[in-house]
Amino acid sequence: MNIHEMWLNKLRAGTRAQTNALLHDYYGKETEVYRRILTDKADTFTGTSREFGEKYGLEDYEVGAFIDGINTSLETKVDISTLEEDTALDLKIIWKELYKNMHKAKADWLYNLPEWDGLYSEEERRELTREFRYSQQAHSVKVGRNDPCPCGSGKKYKNCCGAE
């Protein structure tokens, strides 16, 4: 069983109160890992999953949870389905993606960490937040009457779906 599956099994195994306690404990550890990474501006980690856990004070299954959470913010994603204690990691964090993904996860305890000040000014963080919010909005595309019809018929819009 890989370490991400171990994390999922721990989440499923307990009662609601036990799961909440597990998550509360994990979020505290996760916050400290991010504090250290942001303070050190440590955007790269190479080593094994076990070494990552030892460096940041995480249990093996918590490393699985952490990698799953940060995966979309990495230059090269980690295949969490094959993540074992001795899996070699080469993590390169894309800071802007990490900040936006923290917003996406609604993890205000992470994107509001004061340690972000060392990477981005308050104005830069506001701009990243604006970019994230804009990316989440629906945008309509106007089709001109002489444009090809979006239905794929090959006709002009005015002679197809736009015909009155």
C-alpha atoms as a PDB file:
ATOM      1  CA  MET A   1       0.000   0.000   0.000  1.00  0.00           C
ATOM      2  CA  ASN A   2       1.426   3.386  -0.973  1.00  0.00           C
ATOM      3  CA  ILE A   3       1.654   6.251   1.497  1.00  0.00           C
ATOM      4  CA  HIS A   4      -1.176   8.235  -0.096  1.00  0.00           C
ATOM      5  CA  GLU A   5      -3.492   5.232   0.274  1.00  0.00           C
ATOM      6  CA  MET A   6      -2.389   5.018   3.920  1.00  0.00           C
ATOM      7  CA  TRP A   7      -3.569   8.619   4.382  1.00  0.00           C
ATOM      8  CA  LEU A   8      -6.925   7.912   2.722  1.00  0.00           C
ATOM      9  CA  ASN A   9      -7.398   4.782   4.860  1.00  0.00           C
ATOM     10  CA  LYS A  10      -6.708   6.763   8.035  1.00  0.00           C
ATOM     11  CA  LEU A  11      -9.327   9.310   6.983  1.00  0.00           C
ATOM     12  CA  ARG A  12     -11.913   6.596   6.316  1.00  0.00           C
ATOM     13  CA  ALA A  13     -11.153   4.391   9.334  1.00  0.00           C
ATOM     14  CA  GLY A  14     -12.193   6.659  12.165  1.00  0.00           C
ATOM     15  CA  THR A  15     -15.361   8.210  13.421  1.00  0.00           C
ATOM     16  CA  ARG A  16     -16.240  11.727  12.345  1.00  0.00           C
ATOM     17  CA  ALA A  17     -14.657  13.117  15.513  1.00  0.00           C
ATOM     18  CA  GLN A  18     -11.468  11.076  14.965  1.00  0.00           C
ATOM     19  CA  THR A  19     -11.267  12.193  11.325  1.00  0.00           C
ATOM     20  CA  ASN A  20     -11.739  15.820  12.353  1.00  0.00           C
ATOM     21  CA  ALA A  21      -8.989  15.460  14.968  1.00  0.00           C
ATOM     22  CA  LEU A  22      -6.681  13.849  12.385  1.00  0.00           C
ATOM     23  CA  LEU A  23      -7.327  16.675   9.912  1.00  0.00           C
ATOM     24  CA  HIS A  24      -6.883  19.341  12.587  1.00  0.00           C
ATOM     25  CA  ASP A  25      -3.531  17.844  13.549  1.00  0.00           C
ATOM     26  CA  TYR A  26      -2.472  17.521   9.911  1.00  0.00           C
ATOM     27  CA  TYR A  27      -3.455  21.103   9.026  1.00  0.00           C
ATOM     28  CA  GLY A  28      -1.329  22.355  11.903  1.00  0.00           C
ATOM     29  CA  LYS A  29       1.664  20.397  10.625  1.00  0.00           C
ATOM     30  CA  GLU A  30       0.974  21.449   7.027  1.00  0.00           C
ATOM     31  CA  THR A  31       0.932  25.096   8.086  1.00  0.00           C
ATOM     32  CA  GLU A  32       4.321  24.709   9.767  1.00  0.00           C
ATOM     33  CA  VAL A  33       5.778  23.020   6.673  1.00  0.00           C
ATOM     34  CA  TYR A  34       4.599  25.920   4.522  1.00  0.00           C
ATOM     35  CA  ARG A  35       5.967  28.433   7.043  1.00  0.00           C
ATOM     36  CA  ARG A  36       9.392  26.809   6.785  1.00  0.00           C
ATOM     37  CA  ILE A  37       9.293  26.478   3.004  1.00  0.00           C
ATOM     38  CA  LEU A  38       8.217  30.109   2.558  1.00  0.00           C
ATOM     39  CA  THR A  39      10.690  31.459   5.121  1.00  0.00           C
ATOM     40  CA  ASP A  40      13.566  29.571   3.520  1.00  0.00           C
ATOM     41  CA  LYS A  41      12.241  30.261   0.003  1.00  0.00           C
ATOM     42  CA  ALA A  42      12.859  26.542  -0.461  1.00  0.00           C
ATOM     43  CA  ASP A  43      11.243  25.999  -3.833  1.00  0.00           C
ATOM     44  CA  THR A  44      13.167  22.768  -4.485  1.00  0.00           C
ATOM     45  CA  PHE A  45      13.446  19.506  -2.586  1.00  0.00           C
ATOM     46  CA  THR A  46      15.324  16.424  -3.713  1.00  0.00           C
ATOM     47  CA  GLY A  47      15.434  13.246  -1.694  1.00  0.00           C
ATOM     48  CA  THR A  48      13.094  10.445  -0.702  1.00  0.00           C
ATOM     49  CA  SER A  49       9.602  10.714   0.722  1.00  0.00           C
ATOM     50  CA  ARG A  50      11.000   9.525   4.062  1.00  0.00           C
ATOM     51  CA  GLU A  51      13.654  12.287   4.027  1.00  0.00           C
ATOM     52  CA  PHE A  52      10.978  14.872   3.239  1.00  0.00           C
ATOM     53  CA  GLY A  53       8.957  13.670   6.223  1.00  0.00           C
ATOM     54  CA  GLU A  54      12.003  13.727   8.510  1.00  0.00           C
ATOM     55  CA  LYS A  55      12.993  17.212   7.371  1.00  0.00           C
ATOM     56  CA  TYR A  56       9.532  18.693   7.947  1.00  0.00           C
ATOM     57  CA  GLY A  57       8.271  16.561  10.844  1.00  0.00           C
ATOM     58  CA  LEU A  58       5.635  14.589   8.946  1.00  0.00           C
ATOM     59  CA  GLU A  59       4.620  10.950   9.294  1.00  0.00           C
ATOM     60  CA  ASP A  60       4.889   8.907   6.091  1.00  0.00           C
ATOM     61  CA  TYR A  61       1.134   9.024   5.406  1.00  0.00           C
ATOM     62  CA  GLU A  62       1.179  12.803   6.015  1.00  0.00           C
ATOM     63  CA  VAL A  63       3.840  13.142   3.319  1.00  0.00           C
ATOM     64  CA  GLY A  64       1.340  11.459   0.992  1.00  0.00           C
ATOM     65  CA  ALA A  65      -1.302  14.010   1.952  1.00  0.00           C
ATOM     66  CA  PHE A  66       1.112  16.929   1.582  1.00  0.00           C
ATOM     67  CA  ILE A  67       2.340  15.838  -1.859  1.00  0.00           C
ATOM     68  CA  ASP A  68      -1.256  15.344  -2.980  1.00  0.00           C
ATOM     69  CA  GLY A  69      -2.072  18.873  -1.854  1.00  0.00           C
ATOM     70  CA  ILE A  70       0.921  20.587  -3.452  1.00  0.00           C
ATOM     71  CA  ASN A  71       1.021  18.429  -6.593  1.00  0.00           C
ATOM     72  CA  THR A  72      -0.759  20.911  -8.894  1.00  0.00           C
ATOM     73  CA  SER A  73       1.739  23.594  -7.847  1.00  0.00           C
ATOM     74  CA  LEU A  74       4.806  21.599  -8.864  1.00  0.00           C
ATOM     75  CA  GLU A  75       6.758  21.939 -12.075  1.00  0.00           C
ATOM     76  CA  THR A  76       6.565  18.152 -12.521  1.00  0.00           C
ATOM     77  CA  LYS A  77       3.681  16.328 -10.845  1.00  0.00           C
ATOM     78  CA  VAL A  78       4.338  13.340  -8.625  1.00  0.00           C
ATOM     79  CA  ASP A  79       2.429  10.140  -9.348  1.00  0.00           C
ATOM     80  CA  ILE A  80       0.873   9.736  -5.912  1.00  0.00           C
ATOM     81  CA  SER A  81      -0.442   6.277  -6.777  1.00  0.00           C
ATOM     82  CA  THR A  82       3.160   4.999  -6.676  1.00  0.00           C
ATOM     83  CA  LEU A  83       4.397   7.094  -3.748  1.00  0.00           C
ATOM     84  CA  GLU A  84       6.318   4.943  -1.261  1.00  0.00           C
ATOM     85  CA  GLU A  85       8.639   5.832   1.640  1.00  0.00           C
ATOM     86  CA  ASP A  86      11.701   5.320  -0.535  1.00  0.00           C
ATOM     87  CA  THR A  87      10.321   7.088  -3.633  1.00  0.00           C
ATOM     88  CA  ALA A  88      12.819   9.623  -4.961  1.00  0.00           C
ATOM     89  CA  LEU A  89      11.326  13.114  -5.062  1.00  0.00           C
ATOM     90  CA  ASP A  90      12.441  16.064  -7.122  1.00  0.00           C
ATOM     91  CA  LEU A  91       9.978  18.792  -6.178  1.00  0.00           C
ATOM     92  CA  LYS A  92      10.133  22.237  -7.773  1.00  0.00           C
ATOM     93  CA  ILE A  93       7.420  24.598  -6.512  1.00  0.00           C
ATOM     94  CA  ILE A  94       5.854  27.187  -8.796  1.00  0.00           C
ATOM     95  CA  TRP A  95       5.114  29.899  -6.219  1.00  0.00           C
ATOM     96  CA  LYS A  96       2.369  31.721  -8.148  1.00  0.00           C
ATOM     97  CA  GLU A  97       0.520  28.465  -8.771  1.00  0.00           C
ATOM     98  CA  LEU A  98       0.868  27.508  -5.120  1.00  0.00           C
ATOM     99  CA  TYR A  99      -0.624  30.819  -3.994  1.00  0.00           C
ATOM    100  CA  LYS A 100      -3.537  30.519  -6.444  1.00  0.00           C
ATOM    101  CA  ASN A 101      -4.135  26.867  -5.548  1.00  0.00           C
ATOM    102  CA  MET A 102      -4.320  27.793  -1.873  1.00  0.00           C
ATOM    103  CA  HIS A 103      -7.105  30.191  -2.833  1.00  0.00           C
ATOM    104  CA  LYS A 104      -8.781  27.460  -4.873  1.00  0.00           C
ATOM    105  CA  ALA A 105      -8.686  25.157  -1.843  1.00  0.00           C
ATOM    106  CA  LYS A 106     -10.101  27.992   0.290  1.00  0.00           C
ATOM    107  CA  ALA A 107      -7.111  27.509   2.608  1.00  0.00           C
ATOM    108  CA  ASP A 108      -7.051  31.034   4.026  1.00  0.00           C
ATOM    109  CA  TRP A 109      -4.811  29.871   6.880  1.00  0.00           C
ATOM    110  CA  LEU A 110      -2.172  29.180   4.213  1.00  0.00           C
ATOM    111  CA  TYR A 111      -2.490  32.020   1.710  1.00  0.00           C
ATOM    112  CA  ASN A 112      -2.642  34.531   4.573  1.00  0.00           C
ATOM    113  CA  LEU A 113       0.623  33.357   6.147  1.00  0.00           C
ATOM    114  CA  PRO A 114       2.875  36.355   6.859  1.00  0.00           C
ATOM    115  CA  GLU A 115       5.776  34.376   5.367  1.00  0.00           C
ATOM    116  CA  TRP A 116       4.392  35.174   1.898  1.00  0.00           C
ATOM    117  CA  ASP A 117       5.748  38.715   2.480  1.00  0.00           C
ATOM    118  CA  GLY A 118       9.220  37.378   1.750  1.00  0.00           C
ATOM    119  CA  LEU A 119       8.144  36.292  -1.740  1.00  0.00           C
ATOM    120  CA  TYR A 120       5.469  38.737  -2.850  1.00  0.00           C
ATOM    121  CA  SER A 121       4.474  42.212  -1.801  1.00  0.00           C
ATOM    122  CA  GLU A 122       0.924  42.832  -0.663  1.00  0.00           C
ATOM    123  CA  GLU A 123       0.124  44.377  -4.058  1.00  0.00           C
ATOM    124  CA  GLU A 124       1.534  41.353  -5.908  1.00  0.00           C
ATOM    125  CA  ARG A 125      -0.579  39.037  -3.748  1.00  0.00           C
ATOM    126  CA  ARG A 126      -3.668  41.140  -4.452  1.00  0.00           C
ATOM    127  CA  GLU A 127      -2.930  40.837  -8.192  1.00  0.00           C
ATOM    128  CA  LEU A 128      -2.517  37.055  -7.898  1.00  0.00           C
ATOM    129  CA  THR A 129      -5.827  36.912  -6.038  1.00  0.00           C
ATOM    130  CA  ARG A 130      -7.476  38.963  -8.806  1.00  0.00           C
ATOM    131  CA  GLU A 131      -6.015  36.638 -11.447  1.00  0.00           C
ATOM    132  CA  PHE A 132      -7.328  33.612  -9.548  1.00  0.00           C
ATOM    133  CA  ARG A 133     -10.825  35.086  -9.163  1.00  0.00           C
ATOM    134  CA  TYR A 134     -10.917  36.087 -12.812  1.00  0.00           C
ATOM    135  CA  SER A 135      -9.923  32.555 -13.846  1.00  0.00           C
ATOM    136  CA  GLN A 136     -12.894  31.194 -11.885  1.00  0.00           C
ATOM    137  CA  GLN A 137     -15.469  33.406 -13.626  1.00  0.00           C
ATOM    138  CA  ALA A 138     -17.506  32.270 -16.597  1.00  0.00           C
ATOM    139  CA  HIS A 139     -16.827  34.220 -19.772  1.00  0.00           C
ATOM    140  CA  SER A 140     -19.141  34.326 -22.756  1.00  0.00           C
ATOM    141  CA  VAL A 141     -17.831  34.360 -26.287  1.00  0.00           C
ATOM    142  CA  LYS A 142     -19.684  36.542 -28.763  1.00  0.00           C
ATOM    143  CA  VAL A 143     -20.098  35.071 -32.198  1.00  0.00           C
ATOM    144  CA  GLY A 144     -20.314  37.548 -35.051  1.00  0.00           C
ATOM    145  CA  ARG A 145     -23.018  36.976 -37.654  1.00  0.00           C
ATOM    146  CA  ASN A 146     -20.409  36.286 -40.369  1.00  0.00           C
ATOM    147  CA  ASP A 147     -18.239  34.024 -38.170  1.00  0.00           C
ATOM    148  CA  PRO A 148     -18.333  30.240 -38.606  1.00  0.00           C
ATOM    149  CA  CYS A 149     -21.132  28.732 -36.536  1.00  0.00           C
ATOM    150  CA  PRO A 150     -19.852  27.258 -33.240  1.00  0.00           C
ATOM    151  CA  CYS A 151     -22.011  24.160 -33.798  1.00  0.00           C
ATOM    152  CA  GLY A 152     -19.445  22.961 -36.350  1.00  0.00           C
ATOM    153  CA  SER A 153     -21.723  22.894 -39.399  1.00  0.00           C
ATOM    154  CA  GLY A 154     -19.285  24.924 -41.477  1.00  0.00           C
ATOM    155  CA  LYS A 155     -21.946  27.513 -42.285  1.00  0.00           C
ATOM    156  CA  LYS A 156     -21.865  31.137 -41.268  1.00  0.00           C
ATOM    157  CA  TYR A 157     -23.574  31.755 -37.940  1.00  0.00           C
ATOM    158  CA  LYS A 158     -26.227  33.955 -39.611  1.00  0.00           C
ATOM    159  CA  ASN A 159     -27.225  31.082 -41.935  1.00  0.00           C
ATOM    160  CA  CYS A 160     -27.240  28.410 -39.224  1.00  0.00           C
ATOM    161  CA  CYS A 161     -27.933  28.758 -35.489  1.00  0.00           C
ATOM    162  CA  GLY A 162     -28.233  32.543 -35.781  1.00  0.00           C
ATOM    163  CA  ALA A 163     -30.926  32.429 -38.470  1.00  0.00           C
ATOM    164  CA  GLU A 164     -34.051  34.242 -37.451  1.00  0.00           C
END
